[in-house]
């Protein structure tokens, strides 16, 4: 499955990497690709994942990072 997360607060490649690392800790997530220029993250999963967990992982990467929406693509 694939999810698109609209974010706020990503400023650089280091921000992207921090968010990707936290998302990969969520059970079922197989890949995460954050892009600070578009403020989106594409997430690949092996199974359906609770979107709240994905949003929480974005915030866990840093206080200034927020998931505005999480949608199934």
Foldseek 3Di string as FASTA:
>chain_A
DKKKWQKPQDDDPVLQVLLFVLQVVFPFWDGWGADSVRRMIMTDGPDDDDVVSSQVSQCVSDVRMGGPDMGGD
